[in-house]
Amino acid sequence: MDGIFFDPAVFAAPGTFAVGLLVLAASVWAIFLGYLADEARMGRPSSWPELPLPEVTATKRAAEEVKLSKAA
């Protein structure tokens, strides 16, 4: 059984191994894109640039609540 994995005759040409890796990478990429499409369809942000910016009014409100004491 170990001879199957290490025997170079299993891969008829070195390009066959490279093509196999390419097909594997393409299938993993397709699964990842499908996951992103499902997330986008449900309305969830898939990366940080899609997150909403914090509102400016929240920071203004916090700044108004701070009361400064007068210096003696």
PDB file of N, CA and C in Angstrom:
ATOM      1  N   MET A   1       0.818  -1.197   0.000  1.00  0.00           N
ATOM      2  CA  MET A   1       0.000   0.000   0.000  1.00  0.00           C
ATOM      3  C   MET A   1       0.866   1.267   0.000  1.00  0.00           C
ATOM      4  N   ASP A   2       2.001   1.229   0.711  1.00  0.00           N
ATOM      5  CA  ASP A   2       2.860   2.406   0.745  1.00  0.00           C
ATOM      6  C   ASP A   2       3.506   2.667  -0.610  1.00  0.00           C
ATOM      7  N   GLY A   3       3.687   1.640  -1.394  1.00  0.00           N
ATOM      8  CA  GLY A   3       4.303   1.808  -2.698  1.00  0.00           C
ATOM      9  C   GLY A   3       3.451   2.603  -3.655  1.00  0.00           C
ATOM     10  N   ILE A   4       2.151   2.624  -3.446  1.00  0.00           N
ATOM     11  CA  ILE A   4       1.266   3.383  -4.331  1.00  0.00           C
ATOM     12  C   ILE A   4       1.534   4.875  -4.183  1.00  0.00           C
ATOM     13  N   PHE A   5       1.764   5.316  -2.961  1.00  0.00           N
ATOM     14  CA  PHE A   5       1.941   6.747  -2.737  1.00  0.00           C
ATOM     15  C   PHE A   5       3.313   7.244  -3.176  1.00  0.00           C
ATOM     16  N   PHE A   6       4.324   6.384  -3.121  1.00  0.00           N
ATOM     17  CA  PHE A   6       5.679   6.820  -3.409  1.00  0.00           C
ATOM     18  C   PHE A   6       6.181   6.391  -4.786  1.00  0.00           C
ATOM     19  N   ASP A   7       5.409   5.633  -5.506  1.00  0.00           N
ATOM     20  CA  ASP A   7       5.828   5.142  -6.803  1.00  0.00           C
ATOM     21  C   ASP A   7       5.638   6.240  -7.846  1.00  0.00           C
ATOM     22  N   PRO A   8       6.683   6.660  -8.532  1.00  0.00           N
ATOM     23  CA  PRO A   8       6.521   7.718  -9.535  1.00  0.00           C
ATOM     24  C   PRO A   8       5.701   7.278 -10.742  1.00  0.00           C
ATOM     25  N   ALA A   9       5.522   5.980 -10.923  1.00  0.00           N
ATOM     26  CA  ALA A   9       4.730   5.523 -12.064  1.00  0.00           C
ATOM     27  C   ALA A   9       3.244   5.826 -11.884  1.00  0.00           C
ATOM     28  N   VAL A  10       2.827   6.098 -10.627  1.00  0.00           N
ATOM     29  CA  VAL A  10       1.420   6.443 -10.393  1.00  0.00           C
ATOM     30  C   VAL A  10       1.093   7.745 -11.113  1.00  0.00           C
ATOM     31  N   PHE A  11       2.026   8.683 -11.084  1.00  0.00           N
ATOM     32  CA  PHE A  11       1.850   9.935 -11.805  1.00  0.00           C
ATOM     33  C   PHE A  11       2.573   9.766 -13.143  1.00  0.00           C
ATOM     34  N   ALA A  12       1.813   9.590 -14.192  1.00  0.00           N
ATOM     35  CA  ALA A  12       2.405   9.291 -15.491  1.00  0.00           C
ATOM     36  C   ALA A  12       3.385  10.374 -15.921  1.00  0.00           C
ATOM     37  N   ALA A  13       3.083  11.588 -15.600  1.00  0.00           N
ATOM     38  CA  ALA A  13       3.977  12.700 -15.927  1.00  0.00           C
ATOM     39  C   ALA A  13       3.953  13.669 -14.753  1.00  0.00           C
ATOM     40  N   PRO A  14       5.010  14.447 -14.574  1.00  0.00           N
ATOM     41  CA  PRO A  14       4.993  15.420 -13.470  1.00  0.00           C
ATOM     42  C   PRO A  14       3.860  16.432 -13.604  1.00  0.00           C
ATOM     43  N   GLY A  15       3.447  16.677 -14.811  1.00  0.00           N
ATOM     44  CA  GLY A  15       2.337  17.607 -15.034  1.00  0.00           C
ATOM     45  C   GLY A  15       1.021  17.082 -14.504  1.00  0.00           C
ATOM     46  N   THR A  16       0.876  15.776 -14.437  1.00  0.00           N
ATOM     47  CA  THR A  16      -0.359  15.189 -13.926  1.00  0.00           C
ATOM     48  C   THR A  16      -0.560  15.554 -12.462  1.00  0.00           C
ATOM     49  N   PHE A  17       0.504  15.506 -11.701  1.00  0.00           N
ATOM     50  CA  PHE A  17       0.428  15.891 -10.295  1.00  0.00           C
ATOM     51  C   PHE A  17       0.060  17.371 -10.167  1.00  0.00           C
ATOM     52  N   ALA A  18       0.666  18.214 -10.984  1.00  0.00           N
ATOM     53  CA  ALA A  18       0.378  19.649 -10.949  1.00  0.00           C
ATOM     54  C   ALA A  18      -1.071  19.929 -11.329  1.00  0.00           C
ATOM     55  N   VAL A  19      -1.567  19.211 -12.314  1.00  0.00           N
ATOM     56  CA  VAL A  19      -2.971  19.393 -12.726  1.00  0.00           C
ATOM     57  C   VAL A  19      -3.899  18.937 -11.614  1.00  0.00           C
ATOM     58  N   GLY A  20      -3.543  17.865 -10.926  1.00  0.00           N
ATOM     59  CA  GLY A  20      -4.351  17.408  -9.799  1.00  0.00           C
ATOM     60  C   GLY A  20      -4.421  18.443  -8.694  1.00  0.00           C
ATOM     61  N   LEU A  21      -3.281  19.054  -8.380  1.00  0.00           N
ATOM     62  CA  LEU A  21      -3.277  20.118  -7.376  1.00  0.00           C
ATOM     63  C   LEU A  21      -4.083  21.329  -7.840  1.00  0.00           C
ATOM     64  N   LEU A  22      -4.018  21.624  -9.113  1.00  0.00           N
ATOM     65  CA  LEU A  22      -4.780  22.745  -9.654  1.00  0.00           C
ATOM     66  C   LEU A  22      -6.279  22.493  -9.556  1.00  0.00           C
ATOM     67  N   VAL A  23      -6.699  21.278  -9.855  1.00  0.00           N
ATOM     68  CA  VAL A  23      -8.122  20.930  -9.748  1.00  0.00           C
ATOM     69  C   VAL A  23      -8.566  20.982  -8.291  1.00  0.00           C
ATOM     70  N   LEU A  24      -7.723  20.512  -7.386  1.00  0.00           N
ATOM     71  CA  LEU A  24      -8.045  20.573  -5.961  1.00  0.00           C
ATOM     72  C   LEU A  24      -8.194  22.019  -5.487  1.00  0.00           C
ATOM     73  N   ALA A  25      -7.267  22.873  -5.894  1.00  0.00           N
ATOM     74  CA  ALA A  25      -7.335  24.285  -5.506  1.00  0.00           C
ATOM     75  C   ALA A  25      -8.577  24.956  -6.088  1.00  0.00           C
ATOM     76  N   ALA A  26      -8.929  24.631  -7.318  1.00  0.00           N
ATOM     77  CA  ALA A  26     -10.113  25.221  -7.944  1.00  0.00           C
ATOM     78  C   ALA A  26     -11.387  24.785  -7.225  1.00  0.00           C
ATOM     79  N   SER A  27     -11.439  23.527  -6.799  1.00  0.00           N
ATOM     80  CA  SER A  27     -12.638  23.069  -6.104  1.00  0.00           C
ATOM     81  C   SER A  27     -12.754  23.704  -4.720  1.00  0.00           C
ATOM     82  N   VAL A  28     -11.637  23.872  -4.022  1.00  0.00           N
ATOM     83  CA  VAL A  28     -11.673  24.546  -2.724  1.00  0.00           C
ATOM     84  C   VAL A  28     -12.092  26.000  -2.900  1.00  0.00           C
ATOM     85  N   TRP A  29     -11.601  26.646  -3.941  1.00  0.00           N
ATOM     86  CA  TRP A  29     -11.966  28.041  -4.219  1.00  0.00           C
ATOM     87  C   TRP A  29     -13.451  28.161  -4.544  1.00  0.00           C
ATOM     88  N   ALA A  30     -13.996  27.207  -5.291  1.00  0.00           N
ATOM     89  CA  ALA A  30     -15.420  27.235  -5.631  1.00  0.00           C
ATOM     90  C   ALA A  30     -16.278  27.053  -4.377  1.00  0.00           C
ATOM     91  N   ILE A  31     -15.866  26.189  -3.476  1.00  0.00           N
ATOM     92  CA  ILE A  31     -16.609  26.009  -2.230  1.00  0.00           C
ATOM     93  C   ILE A  31     -16.562  27.283  -1.397  1.00  0.00           C
ATOM     94  N   PHE A  32     -15.414  27.940  -1.354  1.00  0.00           N
ATOM     95  CA  PHE A  32     -15.281  29.194  -0.608  1.00  0.00           C
ATOM     96  C   PHE A  32     -16.169  30.287  -1.207  1.00  0.00           C
ATOM     97  N   LEU A  33     -16.192  30.393  -2.529  1.00  0.00           N
ATOM     98  CA  LEU A  33     -17.046  31.403  -3.168  1.00  0.00           C
ATOM     99  C   LEU A  33     -18.518  31.106  -2.941  1.00  0.00           C
ATOM    100  N   GLY A  34     -18.883  29.832  -2.909  1.00  0.00           N
ATOM    101  CA  GLY A  34     -20.265  29.467  -2.602  1.00  0.00           C
ATOM    102  C   GLY A  34     -20.647  29.873  -1.195  1.00  0.00           C
ATOM    103  N   TYR A  35     -19.719  29.694  -0.249  1.00  0.00           N
ATOM    104  CA  TYR A  35     -19.967  30.128   1.121  1.00  0.00           C
ATOM    105  C   TYR A  35     -20.161  31.646   1.180  1.00  0.00           C
ATOM    106  N   LEU A  36     -19.317  32.394   0.478  1.00  0.00           N
ATOM    107  CA  LEU A  36     -19.463  33.854   0.466  1.00  0.00           C
ATOM    108  C   LEU A  36     -20.774  34.285  -0.170  1.00  0.00           C
ATOM    109  N   ALA A  37     -21.216  33.577  -1.205  1.00  0.00           N
ATOM    110  CA  ALA A  37     -22.488  33.909  -1.845  1.00  0.00           C
ATOM    111  C   ALA A  37     -23.655  33.668  -0.896  1.00  0.00           C
ATOM    112  N   ASP A  38     -23.591  32.590  -0.116  1.00  0.00           N
ATOM    113  CA  ASP A  38     -24.644  32.334   0.865  1.00  0.00           C
ATOM    114  C   ASP A  38     -24.672  33.407   1.941  1.00  0.00           C
ATOM    115  N   GLU A  39     -23.508  33.834   2.390  1.00  0.00           N
ATOM    116  CA  GLU A  39     -23.444  34.889   3.395  1.00  0.00           C
ATOM    117  C   GLU A  39     -24.003  36.202   2.841  1.00  0.00           C
ATOM    118  N   ALA A  40     -23.689  36.517   1.605  1.00  0.00           N
ATOM    119  CA  ALA A  40     -24.181  37.757   0.994  1.00  0.00           C
ATOM    120  C   ALA A  40     -25.691  37.698   0.795  1.00  0.00           C
ATOM    121  N   ARG A  41     -26.208  36.515   0.460  1.00  0.00           N
ATOM    122  CA  ARG A  41     -27.646  36.376   0.250  1.00  0.00           C
ATOM    123  C   ARG A  41     -28.400  36.581   1.556  1.00  0.00           C
ATOM    124  N   MET A  42     -27.820  36.162   2.679  1.00  0.00           N
ATOM    125  CA  MET A  42     -28.465  36.328   3.982  1.00  0.00           C
ATOM    126  C   MET A  42     -28.266  37.737   4.545  1.00  0.00           C
ATOM    127  N   GLY A  43     -27.463  38.548   3.873  1.00  0.00           N
ATOM    128  CA  GLY A  43     -27.266  39.926   4.296  1.00  0.00           C
ATOM    129  C   GLY A  43     -26.170  40.120   5.318  1.00  0.00           C
ATOM    130  N   ARG A  44     -25.378  39.116   5.575  1.00  0.00           N
ATOM    131  CA  ARG A  44     -24.279  39.246   6.531  1.00  0.00           C
ATOM    132  C   ARG A  44     -23.049  39.808   5.825  1.00  0.00           C
ATOM    133  N   PRO A  45     -22.327  40.694   6.493  1.00  0.00           N
ATOM    134  CA  PRO A  45     -21.087  41.196   5.877  1.00  0.00           C
ATOM    135  C   PRO A  45     -20.030  40.103   5.857  1.00  0.00           C
ATOM    136  N   SER A  46     -19.311  39.986   4.755  1.00  0.00           N
ATOM    137  CA  SER A  46     -18.310  38.928   4.634  1.00  0.00           C
ATOM    138  C   SER A  46     -16.903  39.407   4.971  1.00  0.00           C
ATOM    139  N   SER A  47     -16.698  40.707   5.053  1.00  0.00           N
ATOM    140  CA  SER A  47     -15.383  41.221   5.423  1.00  0.00           C
ATOM    141  C   SER A  47     -15.550  42.549   6.153  1.00  0.00           C
ATOM    142  N   TRP A  48     -14.501  43.010   6.771  1.00  0.00           N
ATOM    143  CA  TRP A  48     -14.608  44.202   7.599  1.00  0.00           C
ATOM    144  C   TRP A  48     -14.959  45.475   6.837  1.00  0.00           C
ATOM    145  N   PRO A  49     -14.602  45.664   5.554  1.00  0.00           N
ATOM    146  CA  PRO A  49     -15.020  46.911   4.891  1.00  0.00           C
ATOM    147  C   PRO A  49     -16.531  47.017   4.711  1.00  0.00           C
ATOM    148  N   GLU A  50     -17.239  45.898   4.794  1.00  0.00           N
ATOM    149  CA  GLU A  50     -18.686  45.940   4.619  1.00  0.00           C
ATOM    150  C   GLU A  50     -19.425  46.248   5.910  1.00  0.00           C
ATOM    151  N   LEU A  51     -18.724  46.308   7.033  1.00  0.00           N
ATOM    152  CA  LEU A  51     -19.368  46.612   8.299  1.00  0.00           C
ATOM    153  C   LEU A  51     -19.768  48.081   8.334  1.00  0.00           C
ATOM    154  N   PRO A  52     -20.867  48.405   8.999  1.00  0.00           N
ATOM    155  CA  PRO A  52     -21.284  49.815   9.055  1.00  0.00           C
ATOM    156  C   PRO A  52     -20.343  50.639   9.917  1.00  0.00           C
ATOM    157  N   LEU A  53     -20.197  51.893   9.547  1.00  0.00           N
ATOM    158  CA  LEU A  53     -19.365  52.805  10.317  1.00  0.00           C
ATOM    159  C   LEU A  53     -20.111  53.228  11.579  1.00  0.00           C
ATOM    160  N   PRO A  54     -19.404  53.489  12.651  1.00  0.00           N
ATOM    161  CA  PRO A  54     -20.091  53.972  13.852  1.00  0.00           C
ATOM    162  C   PRO A  54     -20.678  55.353  13.592  1.00  0.00           C
ATOM    163  N   GLU A  55     -21.815  55.600  14.203  1.00  0.00           N
ATOM    164  CA  GLU A  55     -22.489  56.878  13.969  1.00  0.00           C
ATOM    165  C   GLU A  55     -21.776  58.003  14.703  1.00  0.00           C
ATOM    166  N   VAL A  56     -21.764  59.158  14.089  1.00  0.00           N
ATOM    167  CA  VAL A  56     -21.092  60.311  14.671  1.00  0.00           C
ATOM    168  C   VAL A  56     -21.893  60.835  15.854  1.00  0.00           C
ATOM    169  N   THR A  57     -23.203  60.681  15.826  1.00  0.00           N
ATOM    170  CA  THR A  57     -24.036  61.221  16.897  1.00  0.00           C
ATOM    171  C   THR A  57     -23.728  60.546  18.231  1.00  0.00           C
ATOM    172  N   ALA A  58     -23.333  59.298  18.218  1.00  0.00           N
ATOM    173  CA  ALA A  58     -23.010  58.610  19.469  1.00  0.00           C
ATOM    174  C   ALA A  58     -21.793  59.241  20.130  1.00  0.00           C
ATOM    175  N   THR A  59     -20.819  59.643  19.356  1.00  0.00           N
ATOM    176  CA  THR A  59     -19.626  60.273  19.949  1.00  0.00           C
ATOM    177  C   THR A  59     -19.941  61.690  20.397  1.00  0.00           C
ATOM    178  N   LYS A  60     -20.801  62.397  19.684  1.00  0.00           N
ATOM    179  CA  LYS A  60     -21.176  63.746  20.112  1.00  0.00           C
ATOM    180  C   LYS A  60     -21.943  63.684  21.428  1.00  0.00           C
ATOM    181  N   ARG A  61     -22.830  62.708  21.542  1.00  0.00           N
ATOM    182  CA  ARG A  61     -23.609  62.562  22.756  1.00  0.00           C
ATOM    183  C   ARG A  61     -22.688  62.257  23.939  1.00  0.00           C
ATOM    184  N   ALA A  62     -21.696  61.431  23.739  1.00  0.00           N
ATOM    185  CA  ALA A  62     -20.755  61.112  24.815  1.00  0.00           C
ATOM    186  C   ALA A  62     -19.934  62.342  25.198  1.00  0.00           C
ATOM    187  N   ALA A  63     -19.596  63.161  24.239  1.00  0.00           N
ATOM    188  CA  ALA A  63     -18.817  64.369  24.527  1.00  0.00           C
ATOM    189  C   ALA A  63     -19.659  65.390  25.282  1.00  0.00           C
ATOM    190  N   GLU A  64     -20.968  65.442  25.028  1.00  0.00           N
ATOM    191  CA  GLU A  64     -21.825  66.392  25.725  1.00  0.00           C
ATOM    192  C   GLU A  64     -22.044  65.981  27.174  1.00  0.00           C
ATOM    193  N   GLU A  65     -21.982  64.683  27.459  1.00  0.00           N
ATOM    194  CA  GLU A  65     -22.221  64.212  28.821  1.00  0.00           C
ATOM    195  C   GLU A  65     -21.049  64.521  29.750  1.00  0.00           C
ATOM    196  N   VAL A  66     -19.905  64.744  29.202  1.00  0.00           N
ATOM    197  CA  VAL A  66     -18.735  65.042  30.035  1.00  0.00           C
ATOM    198  C   VAL A  66     -18.849  66.479  30.519  1.00  0.00           C
ATOM    199  N   LYS A  67     -18.873  66.645  31.842  1.00  0.00           N
ATOM    200  CA  LYS A  67     -18.969  67.995  32.408  1.00  0.00           C
ATOM    201  C   LYS A  67     -17.605  68.361  32.977  1.00  0.00           C
ATOM    202  N   LEU A  68     -17.143  69.504  32.564  1.00  0.00           N
ATOM    203  CA  LEU A  68     -15.858  69.974  33.045  1.00  0.00           C
ATOM    204  C   LEU A  68     -16.068  70.857  34.261  1.00  0.00           C
ATOM    205  N   SER A  69     -15.257  70.656  35.266  1.00  0.00           N
ATOM    206  CA  SER A  69     -15.351  71.517  36.456  1.00  0.00           C
ATOM    207  C   SER A  69     -14.488  72.752  36.231  1.00  0.00           C
ATOM    208  N   LYS A  70     -14.932  73.836  36.828  1.00  0.00           N
ATOM    209  CA  LYS A  70     -14.192  75.098  36.680  1.00  0.00           C
ATOM    210  C   LYS A  70     -12.945  75.070  37.547  1.00  0.00           C
ATOM    211  N   ALA A  71     -11.906  75.638  37.060  1.00  0.00           N
ATOM    212  CA  ALA A  71     -10.663  75.705  37.832  1.00  0.00           C
ATOM    213  C   ALA A  71     -10.832  76.720  38.954  1.00  0.00           C
ATOM    214  N   ALA A  72     -10.256  76.451  40.080  1.00  0.00           N
ATOM    215  CA  ALA A  72     -10.406  77.355  41.239  1.00  0.00           C
ATOM    216  C   ALA A  72      -9.552  78.574  41.116  1.00  0.00           C
TER     217      ALA A  72
END
